[in-house]
């Protein structure tokens, strides 16, 4: 049997791995209409 579902274990790209500390600091919903949401949106963009 070949198991091809890696949705829970997909390896991260090195470029994304380097951004994790920055993104972890912005925990708000980027679509929210408050200052934390605006800051999270900037971090994602």
PDB file of N, CA and C in Angstrom:
ATOM      1  N   UNK A   1       0.847  -1.180   0.000  1.00  0.00           N
ATOM      2  CA  UNK A   1       0.000   0.000   0.000  1.00  0.00           C
ATOM      3  C   UNK A   1       0.891   1.241   0.000  1.00  0.00           C
ATOM      4  N   UNK A   2       0.567   2.179  -0.855  1.00  0.00           N
ATOM      5  CA  UNK A   2       1.283   3.450  -0.912  1.00  0.00           C
ATOM      6  C   UNK A   2       0.359   4.526  -0.355  1.00  0.00           C
ATOM      7  N   UNK A   3       0.815   5.199   0.691  1.00  0.00           N
ATOM      8  CA  UNK A   3       0.019   6.226   1.366  1.00  0.00           C
ATOM      9  C   UNK A   3       0.512   7.588   0.891  1.00  0.00           C
ATOM     10  N   UNK A   4      -0.303   8.311   0.142  1.00  0.00           N
ATOM     11  CA  UNK A   4       0.110   9.577  -0.457  1.00  0.00           C
ATOM     12  C   UNK A   4      -0.497  10.806   0.214  1.00  0.00           C
ATOM     13  N   UNK A   5      -1.230  10.635   1.287  1.00  0.00           N
ATOM     14  CA  UNK A   5      -1.842  11.770   1.975  1.00  0.00           C
ATOM     15  C   UNK A   5      -0.841  12.340   2.973  1.00  0.00           C
ATOM     16  N   UNK A   6      -0.262  13.477   2.651  1.00  0.00           N
ATOM     17  CA  UNK A   6       0.712  14.079   3.556  1.00  0.00           C
ATOM     18  C   UNK A   6       0.220  15.409   4.115  1.00  0.00           C
ATOM     19  N   UNK A   7      -1.086  15.603   4.203  1.00  0.00           N
ATOM     20  CA  UNK A   7      -1.622  16.891   4.648  1.00  0.00           C
ATOM     21  C   UNK A   7      -1.195  17.252   6.072  1.00  0.00           C
ATOM     22  N   UNK A   8      -0.977  16.284   6.918  1.00  0.00           N
ATOM     23  CA  UNK A   8      -0.560  16.575   8.290  1.00  0.00           C
ATOM     24  C   UNK A   8       0.955  16.559   8.447  1.00  0.00           C
ATOM     25  N   UNK A   9       1.665  16.106   7.438  1.00  0.00           N
ATOM     26  CA  UNK A   9       3.117  15.956   7.577  1.00  0.00           C
ATOM     27  C   UNK A   9       3.886  16.564   6.420  1.00  0.00           C
ATOM     28  N   UNK A  10       3.293  17.497   5.709  1.00  0.00           N
ATOM     29  CA  UNK A  10       3.969  18.108   4.578  1.00  0.00           C
ATOM     30  C   UNK A  10       5.183  18.892   5.062  1.00  0.00           C
ATOM     31  N   UNK A  11       6.358  18.644   4.488  1.00  0.00           N
ATOM     32  CA  UNK A  11       7.546  19.391   4.902  1.00  0.00           C
ATOM     33  C   UNK A  11       7.413  20.882   4.548  1.00  0.00           C
ATOM     34  N   UNK A  12       7.954  21.723   5.395  1.00  0.00           N
ATOM     35  CA  UNK A  12       7.925  23.163   5.147  1.00  0.00           C
ATOM     36  C   UNK A  12       9.053  23.565   4.215  1.00  0.00           C
ATOM     37  N   UNK A  13       8.780  24.558   3.394  1.00  0.00           N
ATOM     38  CA  UNK A  13       9.840  25.140   2.588  1.00  0.00           C
ATOM     39  C   UNK A  13      10.804  25.876   3.513  1.00  0.00           C
ATOM     40  N   UNK A  14      12.094  25.866   3.212  1.00  0.00           N
ATOM     41  CA  UNK A  14      13.048  26.589   4.064  1.00  0.00           C
ATOM     42  C   UNK A  14      12.704  28.073   4.194  1.00  0.00           C
ATOM     43  N   UNK A  15      12.209  28.689   3.128  1.00  0.00           N
ATOM     44  CA  UNK A  15      11.854  30.113   3.201  1.00  0.00           C
ATOM     45  C   UNK A  15      10.704  30.353   4.175  1.00  0.00           C
ATOM     46  N   UNK A  16       9.765  29.422   4.259  1.00  0.00           N
ATOM     47  CA  UNK A  16       8.669  29.555   5.217  1.00  0.00           C
ATOM     48  C   UNK A  16       9.149  29.279   6.632  1.00  0.00           C
ATOM     49  N   UNK A  17       9.999  28.291   6.787  1.00  0.00           N
ATOM     50  CA  UNK A  17      10.526  27.953   8.113  1.00  0.00           C
ATOM     51  C   UNK A  17      11.228  29.162   8.739  1.00  0.00           C
ATOM     52  N   UNK A  18      11.911  29.958   7.925  1.00  0.00           N
ATOM     53  CA  UNK A  18      12.593  31.153   8.429  1.00  0.00           C
ATOM     54  C   UNK A  18      11.613  32.238   8.859  1.00  0.00           C
ATOM     55  N   UNK A  19      10.393  32.225   8.324  1.00  0.00           N
ATOM     56  CA  UNK A  19       9.386  33.240   8.648  1.00  0.00           C
ATOM     57  C   UNK A  19       8.509  32.866   9.835  1.00  0.00           C
ATOM     58  N   UNK A  20       8.592  31.643  10.315  1.00  0.00           N
ATOM     59  CA  UNK A  20       7.702  31.192  11.393  1.00  0.00           C
ATOM     60  C   UNK A  20       7.762  32.055  12.652  1.00  0.00           C
ATOM     61  N   UNK A  21       8.939  32.444  13.147  1.00  0.00           N
ATOM     62  CA  UNK A  21       8.938  33.291  14.353  1.00  0.00           C
ATOM     63  C   UNK A  21       8.185  34.610  14.146  1.00  0.00           C
ATOM     64  N   UNK A  22       8.342  35.213  12.984  1.00  0.00           N
ATOM     65  CA  UNK A  22       7.646  36.468  12.683  1.00  0.00           C
ATOM     66  C   UNK A  22       6.131  36.247  12.626  1.00  0.00           C
ATOM     67  N   UNK A  23       5.700  35.170  11.958  1.00  0.00           N
ATOM     68  CA  UNK A  23       4.271  34.902  11.828  1.00  0.00           C
ATOM     69  C   UNK A  23       3.648  34.460  13.143  1.00  0.00           C
ATOM     70  N   UNK A  24       4.398  33.783  13.979  1.00  0.00           N
ATOM     71  CA  UNK A  24       3.869  33.325  15.267  1.00  0.00           C
ATOM     72  C   UNK A  24       3.577  34.502  16.197  1.00  0.00           C
ATOM     73  N   UNK A  25       4.288  35.601  16.009  1.00  0.00           N
ATOM     74  CA  UNK A  25       4.058  36.784  16.838  1.00  0.00           C
ATOM     75  C   UNK A  25       2.749  37.487  16.456  1.00  0.00           C
ATOM     76  N   UNK A  26       2.268  37.271  15.237  1.00  0.00           N
ATOM     77  CA  UNK A  26       1.032  37.891  14.753  1.00  0.00           C
ATOM     78  C   UNK A  26      -0.063  36.832  14.754  1.00  0.00           C
ATOM     79  N   UNK A  27      -0.728  36.667  15.877  1.00  0.00           N
ATOM     80  CA  UNK A  27      -1.662  35.562  16.048  1.00  0.00           C
ATOM     81  C   UNK A  27      -3.111  35.918  15.729  1.00  0.00           C
ATOM     82  N   UNK A  28      -3.384  37.149  15.359  1.00  0.00           N
ATOM     83  CA  UNK A  28      -4.765  37.569  15.099  1.00  0.00           C
ATOM     84  C   UNK A  28      -5.203  37.152  13.693  1.00  0.00           C
ATOM     85  N   UNK A  29      -6.505  37.211  13.473  1.00  0.00           N
ATOM     86  CA  UNK A  29      -7.069  36.926  12.159  1.00  0.00           C
ATOM     87  C   UNK A  29      -6.768  38.112  11.243  1.00  0.00           C
ATOM     88  N   UNK A  30      -6.061  37.909  10.125  1.00  0.00           N
ATOM     89  CA  UNK A  30      -5.719  39.023   9.241  1.00  0.00           C
ATOM     90  C   UNK A  30      -6.927  39.697   8.596  1.00  0.00           C
ATOM     91  N   UNK A  31      -8.094  39.088   8.668  1.00  0.00           N
ATOM     92  CA  UNK A  31      -9.309  39.690   8.111  1.00  0.00           C
ATOM     93  C   UNK A  31     -10.071  40.518   9.135  1.00  0.00           C
ATOM     94  N   UNK A  32      -9.612  40.532  10.372  1.00  0.00           N
ATOM     95  CA  UNK A  32     -10.303  41.274  11.430  1.00  0.00           C
ATOM     96  C   UNK A  32     -10.094  42.773  11.272  1.00  0.00           C
ATOM     97  N   UNK A  33     -11.086  43.531  11.691  1.00  0.00           N
ATOM     98  CA  UNK A  33     -11.044  44.986  11.555  1.00  0.00           C
ATOM     99  C   UNK A  33     -10.635  45.648  12.862  1.00  0.00           C
ATOM    100  N   UNK A  34      -9.518  45.235  13.406  1.00  0.00           N
ATOM    101  CA  UNK A  34      -8.942  45.879  14.576  1.00  0.00           C
ATOM    102  C   UNK A  34      -7.429  45.918  14.387  1.00  0.00           C
ATOM    103  N   UNK A  35      -6.728  46.613  15.263  1.00  0.00           N
ATOM    104  CA  UNK A  35      -5.295  46.842  15.072  1.00  0.00           C
ATOM    105  C   UNK A  35      -4.513  45.536  14.980  1.00  0.00           C
ATOM    106  N   UNK A  36      -4.865  44.540  15.795  1.00  0.00           N
ATOM    107  CA  UNK A  36      -4.149  43.255  15.726  1.00  0.00           C
ATOM    108  C   UNK A  36      -4.370  42.587  14.377  1.00  0.00           C
ATOM    109  N   UNK A  37      -5.580  42.695  13.847  1.00  0.00           N
ATOM    110  CA  UNK A  37      -5.871  42.135  12.528  1.00  0.00           C
ATOM    111  C   UNK A  37      -5.092  42.841  11.434  1.00  0.00           C
ATOM    112  N   UNK A  38      -4.988  44.172  11.528  1.00  0.00           N
ATOM    113  CA  UNK A  38      -4.223  44.926  10.536  1.00  0.00           C
ATOM    114  C   UNK A  38      -2.749  44.529  10.577  1.00  0.00           C
ATOM    115  N   UNK A  39      -2.210  44.361  11.787  1.00  0.00           N
ATOM    116  CA  UNK A  39      -0.808  43.963  11.923  1.00  0.00           C
ATOM    117  C   UNK A  39      -0.580  42.549  11.392  1.00  0.00           C
ATOM    118  N   UNK A  40      -1.526  41.659  11.633  1.00  0.00           N
ATOM    119  CA  UNK A  40      -1.412  40.296  11.112  1.00  0.00           C
ATOM    120  C   UNK A  40      -1.478  40.301   9.585  1.00  0.00           C
ATOM    121  N   UNK A  41      -2.329  41.148   9.026  1.00  0.00           N
ATOM    122  CA  UNK A  41      -2.427  41.235   7.566  1.00  0.00           C
ATOM    123  C   UNK A  41      -1.108  41.712   6.964  1.00  0.00           C
ATOM    124  N   UNK A  42      -0.478  42.702   7.589  1.00  0.00           N
ATOM    125  CA  UNK A  42       0.825  43.177   7.113  1.00  0.00           C
ATOM    126  C   UNK A  42       1.865  42.067   7.170  1.00  0.00           C
ATOM    127  N   UNK A  43       1.833  41.274   8.224  1.00  0.00           N
ATOM    128  CA  UNK A  43       2.812  40.194   8.378  1.00  0.00           C
ATOM    129  C   UNK A  43       2.625  39.127   7.308  1.00  0.00           C
ATOM    130  N   UNK A  44       1.369  38.844   6.947  1.00  0.00           N
ATOM    131  CA  UNK A  44       1.100  37.815   5.937  1.00  0.00           C
ATOM    132  C   UNK A  44       1.472  38.316   4.548  1.00  0.00           C
ATOM    133  N   UNK A  45       1.206  39.578   4.279  1.00  0.00           N
ATOM    134  CA  UNK A  45       1.539  40.140   2.954  1.00  0.00           C
ATOM    135  C   UNK A  45       3.022  40.283   2.854  1.00  0.00           C
TER     136      UNK A  45
END
